[in-house]
Amino acid sequence: ALNEYEEVAGWAETIAEVVRDQRMPPWHADPRHGKFANDRSLTKEEKELIYSWVEHGAPQGDPKNLPKPQTYVTGWKLPQKPDAVFYMDDKPFNVPAQAGKRGVKYQYFTVDPGFTEDKWLSGAEALPGNRAVVHHILVFARPPQGKRVRVFGEGDQFLVGYVPGSREVMLPEGMAK
């Protein structure tokens, strides 16, 4: 995380580069196809502010103008307590300390929610047990008789994902998956 000035200033050139190349912040939706409620892309003015800051040597500015420190939620971000909570396994997955150049292979876990009837989902959140070692989580639903699929778009319904900094998914009133 880039929480302190010294951390951010050390990455100033890279920050400008990834913003200019549209690699950050990550946003892959095409604006030609409408406006999106969860759009985290930067405005032209915000991008220009970053470029100008870097071009002028990434000055610190007046510490009196700093925003209040961000508070981090350690539990659920959902607006109310979840109706159901599912765990990927009874025992944790042990992440090796050394994983080589290719890292840890993707891990796939199947969870039976124990539902006896169809359910509608109006909100969801994936919460890792150990954020220090979890890069991302992708949660899919599949029909009870569906086979395990390891390729996007092959019959499973995407429900929710997690990457550091991601938000919970709350669908608008009257909508559900």
N, C-alpha and C. Protein backbone atom coordinates (compact mmCIF):
# COMPACT_ATOMS: atom_id res chain seq x y z
N ALA A 1 0.84 -1.19 0.00
CA ALA A 1 0.00 0.00 0.00
C ALA A 1 0.88 1.24 0.00
N LEU A 2 0.37 2.27 -0.59
CA LEU A 2 1.09 3.55 -0.63
C LEU A 2 0.41 4.50 0.34
N ASN A 3 0.74 4.39 1.61
CA ASN A 3 0.07 5.17 2.65
C ASN A 3 0.84 6.41 3.09
N GLU A 4 2.13 6.43 2.89
CA GLU A 4 2.97 7.54 3.35
C GLU A 4 3.56 8.27 2.14
N TYR A 5 3.83 9.55 2.31
CA TYR A 5 4.39 10.35 1.23
C TYR A 5 5.65 9.71 0.64
N GLU A 6 6.56 9.27 1.51
CA GLU A 6 7.82 8.71 1.04
C GLU A 6 7.59 7.49 0.14
N GLU A 7 6.60 6.69 0.47
CA GLU A 7 6.28 5.52 -0.36
C GLU A 7 5.77 5.96 -1.73
N VAL A 8 4.88 6.93 -1.75
CA VAL A 8 4.29 7.39 -3.00
C VAL A 8 5.33 8.09 -3.86
N ALA A 9 6.11 9.01 -3.26
CA ALA A 9 7.10 9.78 -4.01
C ALA A 9 8.12 8.87 -4.68
N GLY A 10 8.49 7.78 -4.03
CA GLY A 10 9.44 6.84 -4.61
C GLY A 10 8.92 6.15 -5.87
N TRP A 11 7.62 6.16 -6.04
CA TRP A 11 7.00 5.52 -7.20
C TRP A 11 6.39 6.54 -8.17
N ALA A 12 6.71 7.81 -8.01
CA ALA A 12 6.07 8.88 -8.79
C ALA A 12 6.13 8.63 -10.30
N GLU A 13 7.30 8.35 -10.84
CA GLU A 13 7.43 8.15 -12.29
C GLU A 13 6.59 6.95 -12.76
N THR A 14 6.62 5.89 -11.98
CA THR A 14 5.85 4.69 -12.34
C THR A 14 4.36 4.97 -12.26
N ILE A 15 3.94 5.72 -11.25
CA ILE A 15 2.52 6.07 -11.13
C ILE A 15 2.06 6.83 -12.37
N ALA A 16 2.83 7.83 -12.79
CA ALA A 16 2.47 8.59 -13.99
C ALA A 16 2.41 7.68 -15.22
N GLU A 17 3.36 6.77 -15.33
CA GLU A 17 3.41 5.86 -16.48
C GLU A 17 2.17 4.96 -16.53
N VAL A 18 1.83 4.32 -15.41
CA VAL A 18 0.70 3.38 -15.44
C VAL A 18 -0.63 4.10 -15.60
N VAL A 19 -0.72 5.35 -15.13
CA VAL A 19 -1.93 6.14 -15.36
C VAL A 19 -2.00 6.52 -16.84
N ARG A 20 -0.88 6.98 -17.41
CA ARG A 20 -0.84 7.37 -18.82
C ARG A 20 -1.18 6.19 -19.73
N ASP A 21 -0.67 5.00 -19.38
CA ASP A 21 -0.92 3.80 -20.19
C ASP A 21 -2.28 3.17 -19.90
N GLN A 22 -3.03 3.76 -18.99
CA GLN A 22 -4.36 3.28 -18.58
C GLN A 22 -4.33 1.87 -17.99
N ARG A 23 -3.20 1.55 -17.33
CA ARG A 23 -3.12 0.28 -16.61
C ARG A 23 -3.63 0.44 -15.19
N MET A 24 -3.60 1.66 -14.68
CA MET A 24 -4.08 1.97 -13.34
C MET A 24 -4.89 3.26 -13.39
N PRO A 25 -5.87 3.40 -12.56
CA PRO A 25 -6.47 2.31 -11.80
C PRO A 25 -7.13 1.32 -12.75
N PRO A 26 -7.20 0.05 -12.37
CA PRO A 26 -7.76 -0.95 -13.28
C PRO A 26 -9.23 -0.69 -13.56
N TRP A 27 -9.55 -0.56 -14.82
CA TRP A 27 -10.93 -0.35 -15.25
C TRP A 27 -11.01 -0.74 -16.72
N HIS A 28 -11.67 -1.85 -17.01
CA HIS A 28 -11.65 -2.39 -18.36
C HIS A 28 -12.95 -2.19 -19.13
N ALA A 29 -13.93 -1.55 -18.51
CA ALA A 29 -15.19 -1.31 -19.21
C ALA A 29 -14.99 -0.20 -20.24
N ASP A 30 -15.66 -0.33 -21.35
CA ASP A 30 -15.55 0.64 -22.44
C ASP A 30 -16.60 1.73 -22.25
N PRO A 31 -16.18 3.00 -22.06
CA PRO A 31 -17.14 4.08 -21.81
C PRO A 31 -18.10 4.33 -22.97
N ARG A 32 -17.80 3.79 -24.15
CA ARG A 32 -18.72 3.94 -25.29
C ARG A 32 -20.00 3.15 -25.08
N HIS A 33 -20.00 2.26 -24.08
CA HIS A 33 -21.17 1.41 -23.84
C HIS A 33 -21.95 1.81 -22.60
N GLY A 34 -21.80 3.06 -22.18
CA GLY A 34 -22.61 3.57 -21.07
C GLY A 34 -21.80 3.99 -19.87
N LYS A 35 -22.50 4.47 -18.87
CA LYS A 35 -21.88 4.88 -17.61
C LYS A 35 -22.07 3.75 -16.60
N PHE A 36 -21.09 3.57 -15.73
CA PHE A 36 -21.11 2.48 -14.78
C PHE A 36 -21.09 3.03 -13.36
N ALA A 37 -21.93 2.48 -12.50
CA ALA A 37 -22.06 2.97 -11.12
C ALA A 37 -20.77 2.79 -10.33
N ASN A 38 -19.98 1.79 -10.64
CA ASN A 38 -18.77 1.52 -9.87
C ASN A 38 -17.50 1.94 -10.60
N ASP A 39 -17.61 2.89 -11.51
CA ASP A 39 -16.47 3.36 -12.30
C ASP A 39 -15.44 4.04 -11.40
N ARG A 40 -14.24 3.47 -11.35
CA ARG A 40 -13.17 4.05 -10.54
C ARG A 40 -12.09 4.70 -11.41
N SER A 41 -12.38 4.89 -12.70
CA SER A 41 -11.39 5.49 -13.57
C SER A 41 -11.19 6.96 -13.20
N LEU A 42 -10.04 7.51 -13.58
CA LEU A 42 -9.71 8.89 -13.25
C LEU A 42 -10.23 9.84 -14.32
N THR A 43 -10.62 11.04 -13.89
CA THR A 43 -11.04 12.07 -14.84
C THR A 43 -9.80 12.64 -15.52
N LYS A 44 -10.00 13.36 -16.60
CA LYS A 44 -8.89 14.02 -17.29
C LYS A 44 -8.16 14.95 -16.33
N GLU A 45 -8.91 15.69 -15.52
CA GLU A 45 -8.32 16.63 -14.56
C GLU A 45 -7.49 15.91 -13.51
N GLU A 46 -7.97 14.77 -13.02
CA GLU A 46 -7.21 14.00 -12.03
C GLU A 46 -5.91 13.48 -12.62
N LYS A 47 -5.97 13.02 -13.87
CA LYS A 47 -4.75 12.54 -14.53
C LYS A 47 -3.75 13.68 -14.70
N GLU A 48 -4.23 14.84 -15.15
CA GLU A 48 -3.36 16.00 -15.34
C GLU A 48 -2.71 16.42 -14.03
N LEU A 49 -3.43 16.33 -12.93
CA LEU A 49 -2.88 16.67 -11.62
C LEU A 49 -1.73 15.74 -11.26
N ILE A 50 -1.88 14.45 -11.54
CA ILE A 50 -0.81 13.48 -11.28
C ILE A 50 0.41 13.80 -12.15
N TYR A 51 0.19 14.01 -13.45
CA TYR A 51 1.31 14.29 -14.35
C TYR A 51 2.05 15.56 -13.92
N SER A 52 1.32 16.59 -13.55
CA SER A 52 1.92 17.85 -13.13
C SER A 52 2.74 17.65 -11.85
N TRP A 53 2.19 16.90 -10.92
CA TRP A 53 2.89 16.62 -9.66
C TRP A 53 4.22 15.94 -9.93
N VAL A 54 4.22 14.95 -10.82
CA VAL A 54 5.45 14.22 -11.14
C VAL A 54 6.43 15.14 -11.87
N GLU A 55 5.94 15.91 -12.85
CA GLU A 55 6.81 16.81 -13.62
C GLU A 55 7.48 17.86 -12.74
N HIS A 56 6.85 18.22 -11.63
CA HIS A 56 7.41 19.22 -10.73
C HIS A 56 8.20 18.59 -9.58
N GLY A 57 8.59 17.34 -9.74
CA GLY A 57 9.46 16.70 -8.75
C GLY A 57 8.74 16.03 -7.59
N ALA A 58 7.45 15.80 -7.73
CA ALA A 58 6.64 15.12 -6.70
C ALA A 58 6.76 15.80 -5.33
N PRO A 59 6.48 17.12 -5.27
CA PRO A 59 6.61 17.82 -3.98
C PRO A 59 5.60 17.30 -2.95
N GLN A 60 6.00 17.39 -1.70
CA GLN A 60 5.15 16.86 -0.63
C GLN A 60 3.92 17.70 -0.37
N GLY A 61 4.00 18.98 -0.43
CA GLY A 61 2.85 19.81 -0.10
C GLY A 61 2.78 20.06 1.40
N ASP A 62 1.78 20.79 1.82
CA ASP A 62 1.63 21.18 3.22
C ASP A 62 0.96 20.06 4.01
N PRO A 63 1.64 19.49 5.00
CA PRO A 63 1.04 18.40 5.79
C PRO A 63 -0.28 18.78 6.47
N LYS A 64 -0.52 20.09 6.68
CA LYS A 64 -1.78 20.52 7.29
C LYS A 64 -2.98 20.22 6.38
N ASN A 65 -2.73 20.05 5.09
CA ASN A 65 -3.81 19.80 4.13
C ASN A 65 -4.08 18.32 3.90
N LEU A 66 -3.41 17.47 4.65
CA LEU A 66 -3.62 16.03 4.48
C LEU A 66 -5.04 15.64 4.89
N PRO A 67 -5.63 14.68 4.19
CA PRO A 67 -6.93 14.17 4.64
C PRO A 67 -6.74 13.36 5.91
N LYS A 68 -7.85 13.08 6.57
CA LYS A 68 -7.79 12.21 7.75
C LYS A 68 -7.27 10.84 7.32
N PRO A 69 -6.50 10.18 8.18
CA PRO A 69 -6.03 8.83 7.82
C PRO A 69 -7.22 7.91 7.54
N GLN A 70 -7.03 7.05 6.55
CA GLN A 70 -8.08 6.11 6.20
C GLN A 70 -8.24 5.07 7.29
N THR A 71 -9.46 4.71 7.57
CA THR A 71 -9.71 3.62 8.51
C THR A 71 -10.02 2.38 7.69
N TYR A 72 -9.50 1.26 8.13
CA TYR A 72 -9.68 0.02 7.40
C TYR A 72 -10.63 -0.90 8.16
N VAL A 73 -11.54 -1.47 7.42
CA VAL A 73 -12.50 -2.40 8.00
C VAL A 73 -11.82 -3.77 8.07
N THR A 74 -11.91 -4.40 9.21
CA THR A 74 -11.29 -5.72 9.34
C THR A 74 -12.28 -6.85 9.07
N GLY A 75 -13.55 -6.56 9.12
CA GLY A 75 -14.55 -7.60 8.88
C GLY A 75 -15.32 -7.31 7.60
N TRP A 76 -16.60 -7.63 7.63
CA TRP A 76 -17.47 -7.45 6.47
C TRP A 76 -17.70 -5.96 6.19
N LYS A 77 -17.76 -5.63 4.90
CA LYS A 77 -18.09 -4.26 4.49
C LYS A 77 -19.56 -4.16 4.07
N LEU A 78 -20.23 -5.27 4.02
CA LEU A 78 -21.65 -5.26 3.65
C LEU A 78 -22.43 -4.37 4.61
N PRO A 79 -23.50 -3.73 4.13
CA PRO A 79 -24.26 -2.83 4.99
C PRO A 79 -25.00 -3.53 6.14
N GLN A 80 -25.18 -4.82 6.05
CA GLN A 80 -25.79 -5.56 7.16
C GLN A 80 -25.08 -6.91 7.28
N LYS A 81 -25.30 -7.58 8.39
CA LYS A 81 -24.69 -8.88 8.62
C LYS A 81 -25.12 -9.84 7.51
N PRO A 82 -24.19 -10.64 6.97
CA PRO A 82 -24.56 -11.57 5.90
C PRO A 82 -25.60 -12.59 6.35
N ASP A 83 -26.50 -12.96 5.44
CA ASP A 83 -27.49 -14.00 5.72
C ASP A 83 -26.84 -15.37 5.79
N ALA A 84 -25.76 -15.54 5.03
CA ALA A 84 -25.07 -16.82 4.99
C ALA A 84 -23.58 -16.56 4.77
N VAL A 85 -22.74 -17.38 5.39
CA VAL A 85 -21.29 -17.28 5.24
C VAL A 85 -20.79 -18.68 4.88
N PHE A 86 -19.95 -18.75 3.85
CA PHE A 86 -19.40 -20.03 3.40
C PHE A 86 -17.89 -19.98 3.48
N TYR A 87 -17.28 -21.08 3.86
CA TYR A 87 -15.84 -21.17 3.97
C TYR A 87 -15.33 -22.10 2.89
N MET A 88 -14.16 -21.79 2.33
CA MET A 88 -13.65 -22.58 1.21
C MET A 88 -13.22 -23.97 1.62
N ASP A 89 -12.86 -24.16 2.88
CA ASP A 89 -12.40 -25.47 3.32
C ASP A 89 -12.41 -25.51 4.84
N ASP A 90 -12.40 -26.72 5.40
CA ASP A 90 -12.34 -26.86 6.86
C ASP A 90 -10.97 -26.47 7.41
N LYS A 91 -9.94 -26.69 6.61
CA LYS A 91 -8.59 -26.34 7.06
C LYS A 91 -7.99 -25.33 6.08
N PRO A 92 -7.13 -24.46 6.57
CA PRO A 92 -6.56 -23.43 5.68
C PRO A 92 -5.62 -24.04 4.65
N PHE A 93 -5.47 -23.34 3.54
CA PHE A 93 -4.49 -23.71 2.52
C PHE A 93 -3.15 -23.14 2.96
N ASN A 94 -2.14 -23.97 3.04
CA ASN A 94 -0.81 -23.51 3.45
C ASN A 94 -0.06 -22.96 2.24
N VAL A 95 0.28 -21.69 2.30
CA VAL A 95 1.01 -21.03 1.22
C VAL A 95 2.50 -21.20 1.49
N PRO A 96 3.24 -21.79 0.53
CA PRO A 96 4.67 -21.99 0.77
C PRO A 96 5.42 -20.66 0.83
N ALA A 97 6.45 -20.60 1.67
CA ALA A 97 7.24 -19.38 1.81
C ALA A 97 8.00 -19.08 0.52
N GLN A 98 8.43 -20.11 -0.19
CA GLN A 98 9.14 -19.95 -1.46
C GLN A 98 8.34 -20.66 -2.54
N ALA A 99 7.97 -19.92 -3.59
CA ALA A 99 7.14 -20.53 -4.64
C ALA A 99 7.79 -20.48 -6.01
N GLY A 100 9.03 -20.03 -6.10
CA GLY A 100 9.72 -19.99 -7.38
C GLY A 100 9.21 -18.87 -8.27
N LYS A 101 9.72 -18.83 -9.51
CA LYS A 101 9.37 -17.77 -10.46
C LYS A 101 7.90 -17.75 -10.84
N ARG A 102 7.28 -18.89 -10.88
CA ARG A 102 5.89 -18.96 -11.35
C ARG A 102 4.88 -18.77 -10.23
N GLY A 103 5.33 -18.69 -9.00
CA GLY A 103 4.42 -18.48 -7.88
C GLY A 103 3.63 -19.73 -7.54
N VAL A 104 2.63 -19.56 -6.72
CA VAL A 104 1.77 -20.66 -6.30
C VAL A 104 0.72 -20.89 -7.39
N LYS A 105 0.52 -22.15 -7.77
CA LYS A 105 -0.52 -22.46 -8.76
C LYS A 105 -1.88 -22.06 -8.23
N TYR A 106 -2.78 -21.71 -9.16
CA TYR A 106 -4.15 -21.38 -8.75
C TYR A 106 -4.74 -22.53 -7.95
N GLN A 107 -5.49 -22.19 -6.94
CA GLN A 107 -6.15 -23.18 -6.11
C GLN A 107 -7.65 -23.10 -6.37
N TYR A 108 -8.29 -24.25 -6.46
CA TYR A 108 -9.73 -24.32 -6.72
C TYR A 108 -10.40 -25.05 -5.56
N PHE A 109 -11.44 -24.45 -5.03
CA PHE A 109 -12.16 -25.04 -3.91
C PHE A 109 -13.64 -25.09 -4.26
N THR A 110 -14.29 -26.18 -3.91
CA THR A 110 -15.72 -26.32 -4.14
C THR A 110 -16.42 -26.26 -2.79
N VAL A 111 -17.46 -25.45 -2.73
CA VAL A 111 -18.22 -25.27 -1.48
C VAL A 111 -19.67 -25.62 -1.75
N ASP A 112 -20.23 -26.50 -0.94
CA ASP A 112 -21.65 -26.82 -1.03
C ASP A 112 -22.38 -25.94 -0.02
N PRO A 113 -23.20 -24.99 -0.49
CA PRO A 113 -23.89 -24.10 0.46
C PRO A 113 -25.00 -24.80 1.23
N GLY A 114 -25.39 -26.00 0.79
CA GLY A 114 -26.43 -26.74 1.49
C GLY A 114 -27.84 -26.23 1.22
N PHE A 115 -28.01 -25.44 0.18
CA PHE A 115 -29.35 -24.94 -0.14
C PHE A 115 -30.22 -26.06 -0.68
N THR A 116 -31.48 -26.07 -0.30
CA THR A 116 -32.42 -27.06 -0.82
C THR A 116 -33.38 -26.43 -1.82
N GLU A 117 -33.27 -25.12 -2.01
CA GLU A 117 -34.09 -24.42 -3.00
C GLU A 117 -33.27 -23.27 -3.58
N ASP A 118 -33.72 -22.76 -4.73
CA ASP A 118 -33.03 -21.64 -5.36
C ASP A 118 -33.02 -20.43 -4.45
N LYS A 119 -31.95 -19.66 -4.51
CA LYS A 119 -31.82 -18.44 -3.72
C LYS A 119 -31.43 -17.29 -4.65
N TRP A 120 -31.87 -16.09 -4.31
CA TRP A 120 -31.48 -14.88 -5.03
C TRP A 120 -30.42 -14.16 -4.21
N LEU A 121 -29.44 -13.61 -4.89
CA LEU A 121 -28.34 -12.92 -4.24
C LEU A 121 -28.43 -11.43 -4.55
N SER A 122 -28.55 -10.59 -3.51
CA SER A 122 -28.61 -9.14 -3.74
C SER A 122 -27.32 -8.45 -3.32
N GLY A 123 -26.45 -9.16 -2.63
CA GLY A 123 -25.16 -8.62 -2.24
C GLY A 123 -24.21 -9.74 -1.92
N ALA A 124 -22.92 -9.48 -2.07
CA ALA A 124 -21.93 -10.52 -1.79
C ALA A 124 -20.58 -9.87 -1.52
N GLU A 125 -19.77 -10.59 -0.77
CA GLU A 125 -18.41 -10.14 -0.49
C GLU A 125 -17.55 -11.36 -0.25
N ALA A 126 -16.36 -11.37 -0.83
CA ALA A 126 -15.38 -12.42 -0.56
C ALA A 126 -14.37 -11.83 0.40
N LEU A 127 -14.13 -12.51 1.50
CA LEU A 127 -13.25 -12.01 2.55
C LEU A 127 -12.16 -13.04 2.82
N PRO A 128 -10.90 -12.75 2.45
CA PRO A 128 -9.84 -13.73 2.67
C PRO A 128 -9.52 -13.89 4.15
N GLY A 129 -9.12 -15.10 4.52
CA GLY A 129 -8.73 -15.35 5.90
C GLY A 129 -7.40 -14.70 6.24
N ASN A 130 -6.50 -14.60 5.26
CA ASN A 130 -5.19 -13.98 5.49
C ASN A 130 -4.88 -13.08 4.31
N ARG A 131 -5.19 -11.80 4.44
CA ARG A 131 -5.00 -10.85 3.33
C ARG A 131 -3.55 -10.72 2.90
N ALA A 132 -2.62 -11.05 3.77
CA ALA A 132 -1.20 -10.91 3.44
C ALA A 132 -0.77 -11.88 2.35
N VAL A 133 -1.47 -12.99 2.18
CA VAL A 133 -1.05 -13.99 1.19
C VAL A 133 -2.06 -14.21 0.07
N VAL A 134 -3.22 -13.58 0.14
CA VAL A 134 -4.24 -13.78 -0.90
C VAL A 134 -4.13 -12.69 -1.95
N HIS A 135 -3.85 -13.10 -3.19
CA HIS A 135 -3.75 -12.15 -4.30
C HIS A 135 -5.14 -11.79 -4.82
N HIS A 136 -5.96 -12.80 -5.04
CA HIS A 136 -7.33 -12.55 -5.48
C HIS A 136 -8.20 -13.77 -5.22
N ILE A 137 -9.50 -13.53 -5.25
CA ILE A 137 -10.50 -14.59 -5.09
C ILE A 137 -11.55 -14.38 -6.18
N LEU A 138 -11.96 -15.43 -6.82
CA LEU A 138 -13.06 -15.40 -7.78
C LEU A 138 -14.09 -16.42 -7.32
N VAL A 139 -15.33 -15.99 -7.16
CA VAL A 139 -16.39 -16.88 -6.68
C VAL A 139 -17.42 -17.05 -7.79
N PHE A 140 -17.70 -18.30 -8.12
CA PHE A 140 -18.68 -18.64 -9.14
C PHE A 140 -19.74 -19.55 -8.53
N ALA A 141 -20.93 -19.50 -9.09
CA ALA A 141 -21.99 -20.45 -8.73
C ALA A 141 -22.17 -21.38 -9.92
N ARG A 142 -22.47 -22.61 -9.62
CA ARG A 142 -22.74 -23.54 -10.72
C ARG A 142 -23.93 -24.40 -10.33
N PRO A 143 -24.62 -24.91 -11.31
CA PRO A 143 -25.78 -25.76 -11.01
C PRO A 143 -25.36 -26.97 -10.18
N PRO A 144 -26.27 -27.52 -9.37
CA PRO A 144 -25.91 -28.66 -8.51
C PRO A 144 -25.27 -29.82 -9.25
N GLN A 145 -25.72 -30.10 -10.47
CA GLN A 145 -25.15 -31.21 -11.22
C GLN A 145 -24.02 -30.76 -12.14
N GLY A 146 -23.68 -29.49 -12.10
CA GLY A 146 -22.63 -28.98 -12.98
C GLY A 146 -21.28 -29.55 -12.61
N LYS A 147 -20.42 -29.71 -13.62
CA LYS A 147 -19.09 -30.23 -13.33
C LYS A 147 -18.15 -29.07 -13.04
N ARG A 148 -17.07 -29.39 -12.39
CA ARG A 148 -16.07 -28.37 -12.03
C ARG A 148 -15.42 -27.83 -13.29
N VAL A 149 -15.46 -26.52 -13.45
CA VAL A 149 -14.91 -25.88 -14.64
C VAL A 149 -13.79 -24.94 -14.22
N ARG A 150 -12.71 -24.94 -14.97
CA ARG A 150 -11.57 -24.08 -14.63
C ARG A 150 -11.32 -23.02 -15.69
N VAL A 151 -12.33 -22.72 -16.50
CA VAL A 151 -12.18 -21.73 -17.56
C VAL A 151 -13.33 -20.75 -17.46
N PHE A 152 -13.02 -19.45 -17.55
CA PHE A 152 -14.08 -18.44 -17.51
C PHE A 152 -15.10 -18.69 -18.60
N GLY A 153 -16.36 -18.47 -18.27
CA GLY A 153 -17.41 -18.47 -19.28
C GLY A 153 -17.89 -19.84 -19.70
N GLU A 154 -17.56 -20.86 -18.98
CA GLU A 154 -18.00 -22.20 -19.37
C GLU A 154 -19.07 -22.73 -18.42
N GLY A 155 -20.19 -22.01 -18.33
CA GLY A 155 -21.34 -22.53 -17.59
C GLY A 155 -21.49 -22.04 -16.17
N ASP A 156 -20.45 -21.54 -15.56
CA ASP A 156 -20.57 -21.05 -14.19
C ASP A 156 -20.97 -19.57 -14.19
N GLN A 157 -21.66 -19.15 -13.15
CA GLN A 157 -22.12 -17.76 -13.01
C GLN A 157 -21.19 -17.03 -12.04
N PHE A 158 -20.54 -15.97 -12.52
CA PHE A 158 -19.66 -15.19 -11.65
C PHE A 158 -20.50 -14.47 -10.60
N LEU A 159 -20.10 -14.56 -9.33
CA LEU A 159 -20.84 -13.91 -8.24
C LEU A 159 -20.11 -12.70 -7.69
N VAL A 160 -18.86 -12.89 -7.28
CA VAL A 160 -18.13 -11.81 -6.63
C VAL A 160 -16.63 -12.12 -6.70
N GLY A 161 -15.83 -11.10 -6.57
CA GLY A 161 -14.39 -11.28 -6.57
C GLY A 161 -13.75 -10.47 -5.45
N TYR A 162 -12.47 -10.73 -5.23
CA TYR A 162 -11.71 -9.98 -4.24
C TYR A 162 -10.32 -9.72 -4.79
N VAL A 163 -9.87 -8.51 -4.69
CA VAL A 163 -8.48 -8.11 -4.81
C VAL A 163 -8.28 -7.06 -3.72
N PRO A 164 -7.06 -6.84 -3.26
CA PRO A 164 -6.89 -5.82 -2.23
C PRO A 164 -7.50 -4.49 -2.68
N GLY A 165 -8.32 -3.92 -1.83
CA GLY A 165 -8.98 -2.66 -2.14
C GLY A 165 -10.33 -2.80 -2.81
N SER A 166 -10.74 -4.04 -3.10
CA SER A 166 -12.03 -4.22 -3.76
C SER A 166 -13.18 -3.92 -2.82
N ARG A 167 -14.33 -3.70 -3.41
CA ARG A 167 -15.52 -3.37 -2.65
C ARG A 167 -16.50 -4.54 -2.66
N GLU A 168 -17.40 -4.51 -1.70
CA GLU A 168 -18.48 -5.48 -1.69
C GLU A 168 -19.39 -5.22 -2.89
N VAL A 169 -20.17 -6.21 -3.27
CA VAL A 169 -21.12 -6.06 -4.37
C VAL A 169 -22.52 -5.97 -3.77
N MET A 170 -23.16 -4.84 -3.96
CA MET A 170 -24.55 -4.66 -3.55
C MET A 170 -25.34 -4.25 -4.79
N LEU A 171 -26.29 -5.07 -5.17
CA LEU A 171 -27.09 -4.76 -6.34
C LEU A 171 -28.18 -3.75 -5.98
N PRO A 172 -28.59 -2.94 -6.95
CA PRO A 172 -29.65 -1.95 -6.67
C PRO A 172 -30.94 -2.63 -6.23
N GLU A 173 -31.75 -1.89 -5.50
CA GLU A 173 -33.05 -2.37 -5.03
C GLU A 173 -33.82 -2.99 -6.19
N GLY A 174 -34.39 -4.16 -5.96
CA GLY A 174 -35.19 -4.83 -6.99
C GLY A 174 -34.38 -5.69 -7.94
N MET A 175 -33.05 -5.76 -7.76
CA MET A 175 -32.20 -6.57 -8.64
C MET A 175 -31.51 -7.65 -7.81
N ALA A 176 -31.22 -8.78 -8.47
CA ALA A 176 -30.53 -9.88 -7.80
C ALA A 176 -29.91 -10.78 -8.85
N LYS A 177 -29.00 -11.62 -8.43
CA LYS A 177 -28.40 -12.64 -9.30
C LYS A 177 -28.97 -13.98 -8.90
